Amino acid sequence: MSSTGGRQLVLHLYREVLRTHRVKLPPPMRMLGDAYVKDEFVRHKNAETTAEQWKEFVSEWRKYVVTLKGERGITSGDLDHEVLESMNKDQQMQLLRIRDEATRIGRDD
């Protein structure tokens, strides 16, 4: 991301995600979520991306915040089939690891 305004937008979104985690997630899930968010934002920052990829990155994280806050009546944690199909194998494996860890944490409580 080259523009200062764009960087500010992404930094604001990053902070908003972490604030939402603080309010909406129990401590074990917050730790897992925060680590994932930090990793994703750093990896995306360091990757060579197009403006279109940045736009999609920001859009998806905004949707995540809206979903986590429970706005617009969104309550399901299920991903659209199209979203799952658009993910590469690494992303799908990361999603499975997150699901498994969340399930394990839920059983431990």
PDB file of N, CA and C in Angstrom:
ATOM      1  N   MET A   1       0.863  -1.168   0.000  1.00  0.00           N
ATOM      2  CA  MET A   1       0.000   0.000   0.000  1.00  0.00           C
ATOM      3  C   MET A   1       0.896   1.213   0.000  1.00  0.00           C
ATOM      4  N   SER A   2       0.711   2.081  -0.950  1.00  0.00           N
ATOM      5  CA  SER A   2       1.659   3.174  -1.118  1.00  0.00           C
ATOM      6  C   SER A   2       1.197   4.491  -0.518  1.00  0.00           C
ATOM      7  N   SER A   3      -0.074   4.774  -0.508  1.00  0.00           N
ATOM      8  CA  SER A   3      -0.510   6.090  -0.051  1.00  0.00           C
ATOM      9  C   SER A   3      -0.606   6.153   1.471  1.00  0.00           C
ATOM     10  N   THR A   4      -0.304   7.321   2.001  1.00  0.00           N
ATOM     11  CA  THR A   4      -0.386   7.530   3.445  1.00  0.00           C
ATOM     12  C   THR A   4      -1.815   7.374   3.927  1.00  0.00           C
ATOM     13  N   GLY A   5      -2.769   7.875   3.155  1.00  0.00           N
ATOM     14  CA  GLY A   5      -4.180   7.732   3.515  1.00  0.00           C
ATOM     15  C   GLY A   5      -4.606   6.280   3.564  1.00  0.00           C
ATOM     16  N   GLY A   6      -4.107   5.494   2.633  1.00  0.00           N
ATOM     17  CA  GLY A   6      -4.419   4.068   2.623  1.00  0.00           C
ATOM     18  C   GLY A   6      -3.838   3.353   3.830  1.00  0.00           C
ATOM     19  N   ARG A   7      -2.627   3.732   4.187  1.00  0.00           N
ATOM     20  CA  ARG A   7      -1.996   3.133   5.370  1.00  0.00           C
ATOM     21  C   ARG A   7      -2.785   3.469   6.628  1.00  0.00           C
ATOM     22  N   GLN A   8      -3.225   4.713   6.721  1.00  0.00           N
ATOM     23  CA  GLN A   8      -4.015   5.130   7.879  1.00  0.00           C
ATOM     24  C   GLN A   8      -5.318   4.346   7.957  1.00  0.00           C
ATOM     25  N   LEU A   9      -5.939   4.121   6.802  1.00  0.00           N
ATOM     26  CA  LEU A   9      -7.185   3.354   6.739  1.00  0.00           C
ATOM     27  C   LEU A   9      -6.964   1.931   7.255  1.00  0.00           C
ATOM     28  N   VAL A  10      -5.896   1.294   6.797  1.00  0.00           N
ATOM     29  CA  VAL A  10      -5.600  -0.081   7.218  1.00  0.00           C
ATOM     30  C   VAL A  10      -5.229  -0.119   8.695  1.00  0.00           C
ATOM     31  N   LEU A  11      -4.455   0.842   9.172  1.00  0.00           N
ATOM     32  CA  LEU A  11      -4.097   0.899  10.586  1.00  0.00           C
ATOM     33  C   LEU A  11      -5.342   1.083  11.453  1.00  0.00           C
ATOM     34  N   HIS A  12      -6.245   1.947  11.022  1.00  0.00           N
ATOM     35  CA  HIS A  12      -7.503   2.150  11.748  1.00  0.00           C
ATOM     36  C   HIS A  12      -8.307   0.842  11.792  1.00  0.00           C
ATOM     37  N   LEU A  13      -8.378   0.142  10.672  1.00  0.00           N
ATOM     38  CA  LEU A  13      -9.103  -1.123  10.619  1.00  0.00           C
ATOM     39  C   LEU A  13      -8.457  -2.148  11.547  1.00  0.00           C
ATOM     40  N   TYR A  14      -7.153  -2.233  11.520  1.00  0.00           N
ATOM     41  CA  TYR A  14      -6.418  -3.148  12.395  1.00  0.00           C
ATOM     42  C   TYR A  14      -6.762  -2.883  13.861  1.00  0.00           C
ATOM     43  N   ARG A  15      -6.723  -1.634  14.249  1.00  0.00           N
ATOM     44  CA  ARG A  15      -7.054  -1.267  15.631  1.00  0.00           C
ATOM     45  C   ARG A  15      -8.514  -1.586  15.954  1.00  0.00           C
ATOM     46  N   GLU A  16      -9.396  -1.359  14.994  1.00  0.00           N
ATOM     47  CA  GLU A  16     -10.816  -1.643  15.209  1.00  0.00           C
ATOM     48  C   GLU A  16     -11.044  -3.143  15.429  1.00  0.00           C
ATOM     49  N   VAL A  17     -10.356  -3.966  14.665  1.00  0.00           N
ATOM     50  CA  VAL A  17     -10.475  -5.417  14.841  1.00  0.00           C
ATOM     51  C   VAL A  17     -10.024  -5.798  16.247  1.00  0.00           C
ATOM     52  N   LEU A  18      -8.875  -5.294  16.683  1.00  0.00           N
ATOM     53  CA  LEU A  18      -8.370  -5.641  18.011  1.00  0.00           C
ATOM     54  C   LEU A  18      -9.293  -5.117  19.123  1.00  0.00           C
ATOM     55  N   ARG A  19      -9.854  -3.915  18.948  1.00  0.00           N
ATOM     56  CA  ARG A  19     -10.803  -3.384  19.934  1.00  0.00           C
ATOM     57  C   ARG A  19     -12.055  -4.248  19.997  1.00  0.00           C
ATOM     58  N   THR A  20     -12.525  -4.682  18.844  1.00  0.00           N
ATOM     59  CA  THR A  20     -13.718  -5.529  18.796  1.00  0.00           C
ATOM     60  C   THR A  20     -13.439  -6.863  19.473  1.00  0.00           C
ATOM     61  N   HIS A  21     -12.263  -7.413  19.265  1.00  0.00           N
ATOM     62  CA  HIS A  21     -11.895  -8.645  19.964  1.00  0.00           C
ATOM     63  C   HIS A  21     -11.943  -8.434  21.478  1.00  0.00           C
ATOM     64  N   ARG A  22     -11.418  -7.306  21.928  1.00  0.00           N
ATOM     65  CA  ARG A  22     -11.359  -7.017  23.364  1.00  0.00           C
ATOM     66  C   ARG A  22     -12.767  -6.994  23.966  1.00  0.00           C
ATOM     67  N   VAL A  23     -13.724  -6.483  23.218  1.00  0.00           N
ATOM     68  CA  VAL A  23     -15.084  -6.351  23.724  1.00  0.00           C
ATOM     69  C   VAL A  23     -15.901  -7.631  23.531  1.00  0.00           C
ATOM     70  N   LYS A  24     -15.713  -8.307  22.419  1.00  0.00           N
ATOM     71  CA  LYS A  24     -16.612  -9.391  22.035  1.00  0.00           C
ATOM     72  C   LYS A  24     -16.117 -10.809  22.305  1.00  0.00           C
ATOM     73  N   LEU A  25     -14.825 -11.011  22.474  1.00  0.00           N
ATOM     74  CA  LEU A  25     -14.303 -12.374  22.585  1.00  0.00           C
ATOM     75  C   LEU A  25     -13.857 -12.696  24.004  1.00  0.00           C
ATOM     76  N   PRO A  26     -14.091 -13.930  24.446  1.00  0.00           N
ATOM     77  CA  PRO A  26     -13.544 -14.353  25.734  1.00  0.00           C
ATOM     78  C   PRO A  26     -12.023 -14.450  25.625  1.00  0.00           C
ATOM     79  N   PRO A  27     -11.306 -14.354  26.751  1.00  0.00           N
ATOM     80  CA  PRO A  27      -9.839 -14.303  26.707  1.00  0.00           C
ATOM     81  C   PRO A  27      -9.145 -15.354  25.842  1.00  0.00           C
ATOM     82  N   PRO A  28      -9.500 -16.654  25.920  1.00  0.00           N
ATOM     83  CA  PRO A  28      -8.771 -17.615  25.069  1.00  0.00           C
ATOM     84  C   PRO A  28      -8.977 -17.349  23.573  1.00  0.00           C
ATOM     85  N   MET A  29     -10.192 -17.000  23.201  1.00  0.00           N
ATOM     86  CA  MET A  29     -10.475 -16.715  21.792  1.00  0.00           C
ATOM     87  C   MET A  29      -9.826 -15.405  21.374  1.00  0.00           C
ATOM     88  N   ARG A  30      -9.782 -14.461  22.285  1.00  0.00           N
ATOM     89  CA  ARG A  30      -9.144 -13.179  21.982  1.00  0.00           C
ATOM     90  C   ARG A  30      -7.659 -13.372  21.692  1.00  0.00           C
ATOM     91  N   MET A  31      -6.989 -14.183  22.490  1.00  0.00           N
ATOM     92  CA  MET A  31      -5.558 -14.429  22.263  1.00  0.00           C
ATOM     93  C   MET A  31      -5.340 -15.066  20.891  1.00  0.00           C
ATOM     94  N   LEU A  32      -6.148 -16.040  20.568  1.00  0.00           N
ATOM     95  CA  LEU A  32      -6.040 -16.710  19.278  1.00  0.00           C
ATOM     96  C   LEU A  32      -6.349 -15.739  18.143  1.00  0.00           C
ATOM     97  N   GLY A  33      -7.446 -14.981  18.288  1.00  0.00           N
ATOM     98  CA  GLY A  33      -7.847 -14.029  17.263  1.00  0.00           C
ATOM     99  C   GLY A  33      -6.841 -12.917  17.055  1.00  0.00           C
ATOM    100  N   ASP A  34      -6.331 -12.370  18.152  1.00  0.00           N
ATOM    101  CA  ASP A  34      -5.347 -11.290  18.044  1.00  0.00           C
ATOM    102  C   ASP A  34      -4.085 -11.759  17.329  1.00  0.00           C
ATOM    103  N   ALA A  35      -3.631 -12.956  17.674  1.00  0.00           N
ATOM    104  CA  ALA A  35      -2.423 -13.486  17.024  1.00  0.00           C
ATOM    105  C   ALA A  35      -2.658 -13.667  15.523  1.00  0.00           C
ATOM    106  N   TYR A  36      -3.834 -14.163  15.174  1.00  0.00           N
ATOM    107  CA  TYR A  36      -4.151 -14.370  13.758  1.00  0.00           C
ATOM    108  C   TYR A  36      -4.215 -13.039  13.014  1.00  0.00           C
ATOM    109  N   VAL A  37      -4.887 -12.061  13.606  1.00  0.00           N
ATOM    110  CA  VAL A  37      -5.028 -10.744  12.975  1.00  0.00           C
ATOM    111  C   VAL A  37      -3.665 -10.104  12.760  1.00  0.00           C
ATOM    112  N   LYS A  38      -2.838 -10.123  13.778  1.00  0.00           N
ATOM    113  CA  LYS A  38      -1.506  -9.529  13.672  1.00  0.00           C
ATOM    114  C   LYS A  38      -0.710 -10.190  12.559  1.00  0.00           C
ATOM    115  N   ASP A  39      -0.756 -11.511  12.505  1.00  0.00           N
ATOM    116  CA  ASP A  39      -0.032 -12.248  11.472  1.00  0.00           C
ATOM    117  C   ASP A  39      -0.547 -11.895  10.073  1.00  0.00           C
ATOM    118  N   GLU A  40      -1.853 -11.863   9.914  1.00  0.00           N
ATOM    119  CA  GLU A  40      -2.432 -11.558   8.607  1.00  0.00           C
ATOM    120  C   GLU A  40      -2.089 -10.146   8.140  1.00  0.00           C
ATOM    121  N   PHE A  41      -2.200  -9.174   9.027  1.00  0.00           N
ATOM    122  CA  PHE A  41      -1.913  -7.800   8.639  1.00  0.00           C
ATOM    123  C   PHE A  41      -0.435  -7.611   8.307  1.00  0.00           C
ATOM    124  N   VAL A  42       0.447  -8.230   9.080  1.00  0.00           N
ATOM    125  CA  VAL A  42       1.879  -8.116   8.799  1.00  0.00           C
ATOM    126  C   VAL A  42       2.220  -8.795   7.476  1.00  0.00           C
ATOM    127  N   ARG A  43       1.691 -10.014   7.274  1.00  0.00           N
ATOM    128  CA  ARG A  43       1.992 -10.722   6.021  1.00  0.00           C
ATOM    129  C   ARG A  43       1.449  -9.961   4.818  1.00  0.00           C
ATOM    130  N   HIS A  44       0.266  -9.380   4.957  1.00  0.00           N
ATOM    131  CA  HIS A  44      -0.306  -8.645   3.835  1.00  0.00           C
ATOM    132  C   HIS A  44       0.476  -7.358   3.581  1.00  0.00           C
ATOM    133  N   LYS A  45       0.927  -6.726   4.649  1.00  0.00           N
ATOM    134  CA  LYS A  45       1.720  -5.493   4.520  1.00  0.00           C
ATOM    135  C   LYS A  45       3.016  -5.752   3.759  1.00  0.00           C
ATOM    136  N   ASN A  46       3.643  -6.888   4.046  1.00  0.00           N
ATOM    137  CA  ASN A  46       4.929  -7.209   3.443  1.00  0.00           C
ATOM    138  C   ASN A  46       4.831  -7.873   2.073  1.00  0.00           C
ATOM    139  N   ALA A  47       3.626  -8.234   1.664  1.00  0.00           N
ATOM    140  CA  ALA A  47       3.449  -8.896   0.372  1.00  0.00           C
ATOM    141  C   ALA A  47       3.309  -7.854  -0.736  1.00  0.00           C
ATOM    142  N   GLU A  48       3.660  -8.263  -1.935  1.00  0.00           N
ATOM    143  CA  GLU A  48       3.430  -7.403  -3.095  1.00  0.00           C
ATOM    144  C   GLU A  48       1.986  -7.607  -3.516  1.00  0.00           C
ATOM    145  N   THR A  49       1.182  -6.571  -3.306  1.00  0.00           N
ATOM    146  CA  THR A  49      -0.243  -6.681  -3.603  1.00  0.00           C
ATOM    147  C   THR A  49      -0.688  -5.552  -4.508  1.00  0.00           C
ATOM    148  N   THR A  50      -1.740  -5.834  -5.238  1.00  0.00           N
ATOM    149  CA  THR A  50      -2.328  -4.827  -6.112  1.00  0.00           C
ATOM    150  C   THR A  50      -3.356  -4.017  -5.328  1.00  0.00           C
ATOM    151  N   ALA A  51      -3.776  -2.928  -5.907  1.00  0.00           N
ATOM    152  CA  ALA A  51      -4.810  -2.100  -5.276  1.00  0.00           C
ATOM    153  C   ALA A  51      -6.092  -2.912  -5.103  1.00  0.00           C
ATOM    154  N   GLU A  52      -6.402  -3.752  -6.065  1.00  0.00           N
ATOM    155  CA  GLU A  52      -7.610  -4.582  -5.984  1.00  0.00           C
ATOM    156  C   GLU A  52      -7.512  -5.570  -4.819  1.00  0.00           C
ATOM    157  N   GLN A  53      -6.334  -6.141  -4.596  1.00  0.00           N
ATOM    158  CA  GLN A  53      -6.146  -7.069  -3.481  1.00  0.00           C
ATOM    159  C   GLN A  53      -6.278  -6.352  -2.138  1.00  0.00           C
ATOM    160  N   TRP A  54      -5.752  -5.127  -2.063  1.00  0.00           N
ATOM    161  CA  TRP A  54      -5.903  -4.344  -0.837  1.00  0.00           C
ATOM    162  C   TRP A  54      -7.371  -4.047  -0.585  1.00  0.00           C
ATOM    163  N   LYS A  55      -8.080  -3.702  -1.642  1.00  0.00           N
ATOM    164  CA  LYS A  55      -9.496  -3.378  -1.507  1.00  0.00           C
ATOM    165  C   LYS A  55     -10.260  -4.586  -0.955  1.00  0.00           C
ATOM    166  N   GLU A  56      -9.974  -5.759  -1.482  1.00  0.00           N
ATOM    167  CA  GLU A  56     -10.646  -6.970  -0.997  1.00  0.00           C
ATOM    168  C   GLU A  56     -10.231  -7.298   0.434  1.00  0.00           C
ATOM    169  N   PHE A  57      -8.962  -7.140   0.754  1.00  0.00           N
ATOM    170  CA  PHE A  57      -8.460  -7.383   2.113  1.00  0.00           C
ATOM    171  C   PHE A  57      -9.218  -6.519   3.114  1.00  0.00           C
ATOM    172  N   VAL A  58      -9.304  -5.242   2.835  1.00  0.00           N
ATOM    173  CA  VAL A  58      -9.994  -4.305   3.726  1.00  0.00           C
ATOM    174  C   VAL A  58     -11.481  -4.642   3.803  1.00  0.00           C
ATOM    175  N   SER A  59     -12.091  -4.932   2.684  1.00  0.00           N
ATOM    176  CA  SER A  59     -13.510  -5.265   2.646  1.00  0.00           C
ATOM    177  C   SER A  59     -13.825  -6.487   3.500  1.00  0.00           C
ATOM    178  N   GLU A  60     -13.025  -7.527   3.385  1.00  0.00           N
ATOM    179  CA  GLU A  60     -13.273  -8.752   4.148  1.00  0.00           C
ATOM    180  C   GLU A  60     -13.073  -8.540   5.644  1.00  0.00           C
ATOM    181  N   TRP A  61     -12.083  -7.761   6.030  1.00  0.00           N
ATOM    182  CA  TRP A  61     -11.888  -7.494   7.455  1.00  0.00           C
ATOM    183  C   TRP A  61     -13.002  -6.608   7.999  1.00  0.00           C
ATOM    184  N   ARG A  62     -13.515  -5.694   7.194  1.00  0.00           N
ATOM    185  CA  ARG A  62     -14.675  -4.891   7.639  1.00  0.00           C
ATOM    186  C   ARG A  62     -15.887  -5.789   7.861  1.00  0.00           C
ATOM    187  N   LYS A  63     -16.106  -6.720   6.939  1.00  0.00           N
ATOM    188  CA  LYS A  63     -17.219  -7.667   7.103  1.00  0.00           C
ATOM    189  C   LYS A  63     -17.043  -8.471   8.383  1.00  0.00           C
ATOM    190  N   TYR A  64     -15.813  -8.859   8.671  1.00  0.00           N
ATOM    191  CA  TYR A  64     -15.530  -9.609   9.890  1.00  0.00           C
ATOM    192  C   TYR A  64     -15.919  -8.804  11.129  1.00  0.00           C
ATOM    193  N   VAL A  65     -15.540  -7.533  11.166  1.00  0.00           N
ATOM    194  CA  VAL A  65     -15.868  -6.678  12.313  1.00  0.00           C
ATOM    195  C   VAL A  65     -17.383  -6.548  12.457  1.00  0.00           C
ATOM    196  N   VAL A  66     -18.066  -6.324  11.350  1.00  0.00           N
ATOM    197  CA  VAL A  66     -19.532  -6.211  11.371  1.00  0.00           C
ATOM    198  C   VAL A  66     -20.146  -7.500  11.910  1.00  0.00           C
ATOM    199  N   THR A  67     -19.645  -8.634  11.452  1.00  0.00           N
ATOM    200  CA  THR A  67     -20.157  -9.924  11.902  1.00  0.00           C
ATOM    201  C   THR A  67     -19.899 -10.122  13.386  1.00  0.00           C
ATOM    202  N   LEU A  68     -18.702  -9.816  13.827  1.00  0.00           N
ATOM    203  CA  LEU A  68     -18.343 -10.007  15.230  1.00  0.00           C
ATOM    204  C   LEU A  68     -19.168  -9.101  16.143  1.00  0.00           C
ATOM    205  N   LYS A  69     -19.441  -7.909  15.690  1.00  0.00           N
ATOM    206  CA  LYS A  69     -20.255  -6.994  16.489  1.00  0.00           C
ATOM    207  C   LYS A  69     -21.729  -7.382  16.480  1.00  0.00           C
ATOM    208  N   GLY A  70     -22.112  -8.276  15.563  1.00  0.00           N
ATOM    209  CA  GLY A  70     -23.507  -8.697  15.480  1.00  0.00           C
ATOM    210  C   GLY A  70     -24.386  -7.674  14.789  1.00  0.00           C
ATOM    211  N   GLU A  71     -23.794  -6.808  13.998  1.00  0.00           N
ATOM    212  CA  GLU A  71     -24.549  -5.793  13.274  1.00  0.00           C
ATOM    213  C   GLU A  71     -25.231  -6.406  12.054  1.00  0.00           C
ATOM    214  N   ARG A  72     -26.261  -5.764  11.615  1.00  0.00           N
ATOM    215  CA  ARG A  72     -27.004  -6.163  10.415  1.00  0.00           C
ATOM    216  C   ARG A  72     -27.570  -7.576  10.516  1.00  0.00           C
ATOM    217  N   GLY A  73     -27.791  -8.029  11.724  1.00  0.00           N
ATOM    218  CA  GLY A  73     -28.432  -9.319  11.915  1.00  0.00           C
ATOM    219  C   GLY A  73     -27.594 -10.519  11.527  1.00  0.00           C
ATOM    220  N   ILE A  74     -26.306 -10.347  11.311  1.00  0.00           N
ATOM    221  CA  ILE A  74     -25.446 -11.457  10.937  1.00  0.00           C
ATOM    222  C   ILE A  74     -25.077 -12.221  12.201  1.00  0.00           C
ATOM    223  N   THR A  75     -25.412 -13.499  12.248  1.00  0.00           N
ATOM    224  CA  THR A  75     -25.089 -14.284  13.429  1.00  0.00           C
ATOM    225  C   THR A  75     -24.333 -15.555  13.087  1.00  0.00           C
ATOM    226  N   SER A  76     -24.399 -16.003  11.873  1.00  0.00           N
ATOM    227  CA  SER A  76     -23.764 -17.261  11.506  1.00  0.00           C
ATOM    228  C   SER A  76     -22.269 -17.089  11.325  1.00  0.00           C
ATOM    229  N   GLY A  77     -21.522 -18.089  11.739  1.00  0.00           N
ATOM    230  CA  GLY A  77     -20.091 -18.094  11.519  1.00  0.00           C
ATOM    231  C   GLY A  77     -19.717 -18.832  10.247  1.00  0.00           C
ATOM    232  N   ASP A  78     -20.723 -19.302   9.515  1.00  0.00           N
ATOM    233  CA  ASP A  78     -20.461 -20.050   8.293  1.00  0.00           C
ATOM    234  C   ASP A  78     -20.021 -19.130   7.173  1.00  0.00           C
ATOM    235  N   LEU A  79     -19.015 -19.574   6.421  1.00  0.00           N
ATOM    236  CA  LEU A  79     -18.543 -18.822   5.268  1.00  0.00           C
ATOM    237  C   LEU A  79     -19.346 -19.206   4.041  1.00  0.00           C
ATOM    238  N   ASP A  80     -19.525 -18.246   3.161  1.00  0.00           N
ATOM    239  CA  ASP A  80     -20.165 -18.539   1.888  1.00  0.00           C
ATOM    240  C   ASP A  80     -19.331 -19.562   1.135  1.00  0.00           C
ATOM    241  N   HIS A  81     -20.010 -20.406   0.398  1.00  0.00           N
ATOM    242  CA  HIS A  81     -19.329 -21.417  -0.412  1.00  0.00           C
ATOM    243  C   HIS A  81     -18.346 -20.752  -1.380  1.00  0.00           C
ATOM    244  N   GLU A  82     -18.736 -19.602  -1.937  1.00  0.00           N
ATOM    245  CA  GLU A  82     -17.871 -18.889  -2.885  1.00  0.00           C
ATOM    246  C   GLU A  82     -16.574 -18.432  -2.218  1.00  0.00           C
ATOM    247  N   VAL A  83     -16.668 -18.006  -0.973  1.00  0.00           N
ATOM    248  CA  VAL A  83     -15.484 -17.567  -0.245  1.00  0.00           C
ATOM    249  C   VAL A  83     -14.545 -18.744  -0.028  1.00  0.00           C
ATOM    250  N   LEU A  84     -15.096 -19.864   0.392  1.00  0.00           N
ATOM    251  CA  LEU A  84     -14.268 -21.056   0.600  1.00  0.00           C
ATOM    252  C   LEU A  84     -13.601 -21.500  -0.689  1.00  0.00           C
ATOM    253  N   GLU A  85     -14.325 -21.444  -1.788  1.00  0.00           N
ATOM    254  CA  GLU A  85     -13.777 -21.854  -3.086  1.00  0.00           C
ATOM    255  C   GLU A  85     -12.666 -20.914  -3.550  1.00  0.00           C
ATOM    256  N   SER A  86     -12.746 -19.647  -3.149  1.00  0.00           N
ATOM    257  CA  SER A  86     -11.750 -18.672  -3.600  1.00  0.00           C
ATOM    258  C   SER A  86     -10.437 -18.757  -2.815  1.00  0.00           C
ATOM    259  N   MET A  87     -10.449 -19.483  -1.704  1.00  0.00           N
ATOM    260  CA  MET A  87      -9.252 -19.599  -0.874  1.00  0.00           C
ATOM    261  C   MET A  87      -8.269 -20.592  -1.489  1.00  0.00           C
ATOM    262  N   ASN A  88      -6.983 -20.287  -1.311  1.00  0.00           N
ATOM    263  CA  ASN A  88      -5.970 -21.257  -1.747  1.00  0.00           C
ATOM    264  C   ASN A  88      -5.823 -22.321  -0.661  1.00  0.00           C
ATOM    265  N   LYS A  89      -5.040 -23.353  -0.936  1.00  0.00           N
ATOM    266  CA  LYS A  89      -4.891 -24.482   0.000  1.00  0.00           C
ATOM    267  C   LYS A  89      -4.326 -24.037   1.351  1.00  0.00           C
ATOM    268  N   ASP A  90      -3.364 -23.118   1.342  1.00  0.00           N
ATOM    269  CA  ASP A  90      -2.797 -22.635   2.607  1.00  0.00           C
ATOM    270  C   ASP A  90      -3.857 -21.940   3.451  1.00  0.00           C
ATOM    271  N   GLN A  91      -4.681 -21.118   2.822  1.00  0.00           N
ATOM    272  CA  GLN A  91      -5.745 -20.423   3.545  1.00  0.00           C
ATOM    273  C   GLN A  91      -6.762 -21.410   4.103  1.00  0.00           C
ATOM    274  N   GLN A  92      -7.101 -22.424   3.310  1.00  0.00           N
ATOM    275  CA  GLN A  92      -8.048 -23.432   3.782  1.00  0.00           C
ATOM    276  C   GLN A  92      -7.487 -24.202   4.972  1.00  0.00           C
ATOM    277  N   MET A  93      -6.191 -24.530   4.912  1.00  0.00           N
ATOM    278  CA  MET A  93      -5.559 -25.249   6.027  1.00  0.00           C
ATOM    279  C   MET A  93      -5.521 -24.373   7.280  1.00  0.00           C
ATOM    280  N   GLN A  94      -5.232 -23.080   7.121  1.00  0.00           N
ATOM    281  CA  GLN A  94      -5.227 -22.150   8.256  1.00  0.00           C
ATOM    282  C   GLN A  94      -6.620 -22.070   8.871  1.00  0.00           C
ATOM    283  N   LEU A  95      -7.639 -22.025   8.045  1.00  0.00           N
ATOM    284  CA  LEU A  95      -9.014 -21.974   8.529  1.00  0.00           C
ATOM    285  C   LEU A  95      -9.349 -23.239   9.319  1.00  0.00           C
ATOM    286  N   LEU A  96      -8.922 -24.396   8.840  1.00  0.00           N
ATOM    287  CA  LEU A  96      -9.151 -25.644   9.569  1.00  0.00           C
ATOM    288  C   LEU A  96      -8.423 -25.652  10.912  1.00  0.00           C
ATOM    289  N   ARG A  97      -7.194 -25.130  10.940  1.00  0.00           N
ATOM    290  CA  ARG A  97      -6.447 -25.066  12.196  1.00  0.00           C
ATOM    291  C   ARG A  97      -7.156 -24.147  13.201  1.00  0.00           C
ATOM    292  N   ILE A  98      -7.672 -23.028  12.713  1.00  0.00           N
ATOM    293  CA  ILE A  98      -8.396 -22.100  13.589  1.00  0.00           C
ATOM    294  C   ILE A  98      -9.657 -22.766  14.130  1.00  0.00           C
ATOM    295  N   ARG A  99     -10.388 -23.450  13.248  1.00  0.00           N
ATOM    296  CA  ARG A  99     -11.608 -24.139  13.678  1.00  0.00           C
ATOM    297  C   ARG A  99     -11.280 -25.188  14.741  1.00  0.00           C
ATOM    298  N   ASP A 100     -10.241 -25.975  14.491  1.00  0.00           N
ATOM    299  CA  ASP A 100      -9.864 -27.015  15.441  1.00  0.00           C
ATOM    300  C   ASP A 100      -9.438 -26.433  16.784  1.00  0.00           C
ATOM    301  N   GLU A 101      -8.676 -25.344  16.751  1.00  0.00           N
ATOM    302  CA  GLU A 101      -8.232 -24.698  17.989  1.00  0.00           C
ATOM    303  C   GLU A 101      -9.416 -24.103  18.739  1.00  0.00           C
ATOM    304  N   ALA A 102     -10.329 -23.462  18.037  1.00  0.00           N
ATOM    305  CA  ALA A 102     -11.514 -22.889  18.670  1.00  0.00           C
ATOM    306  C   ALA A 102     -12.377 -23.986  19.293  1.00  0.00           C
ATOM    307  N   THR A 103     -12.506 -25.096  18.603  1.00  0.00           N
ATOM    308  CA  THR A 103     -13.277 -26.223  19.124  1.00  0.00           C
ATOM    309  C   THR A 103     -12.602 -26.792  20.379  1.00  0.00           C
ATOM    310  N   ARG A 104     -11.278 -26.922  20.327  1.00  0.00           N
ATOM    311  CA  ARG A 104     -10.543 -27.428  21.482  1.00  0.00           C
ATOM    312  C   ARG A 104     -10.702 -26.494  22.677  1.00  0.00           C
ATOM    313  N   ILE A 105     -10.593 -25.192  22.461  1.00  0.00           N
ATOM    314  CA  ILE A 105     -10.735 -24.223  23.534  1.00  0.00           C
ATOM    315  C   ILE A 105     -12.146 -24.297  24.115  1.00  0.00           C
ATOM    316  N   GLY A 106     -13.136 -24.453  23.254  1.00  0.00           N
ATOM    317  CA  GLY A 106     -14.518 -24.565  23.713  1.00  0.00           C
ATOM    318  C   GLY A 106     -14.741 -25.784  24.597  1.00  0.00           C
ATOM    319  N   ARG A 107     -14.078 -26.869  24.288  1.00  0.00           N
ATOM    320  CA  ARG A 107     -14.192 -28.085  25.101  1.00  0.00           C
ATOM    321  C   ARG A 107     -13.474 -27.930  26.429  1.00  0.00           C
ATOM    322  N   ASP A 108     -12.391 -27.156  26.456  1.00  0.00           N
ATOM    323  CA  ASP A 108     -11.605 -26.974  27.674  1.00  0.00           C
ATOM    324  C   ASP A 108     -12.337 -26.126  28.710  1.00  0.00           C
ATOM    325  N   ASP A 109     -13.252 -25.277  28.258  1.00  0.00           N
ATOM    326  CA  ASP A 109     -13.965 -24.364  29.183  1.00  0.00           C
ATOM    327  C   ASP A 109     -14.973 -25.078  29.985  1.00  0.00           C
TER     328      ASP A 109
END
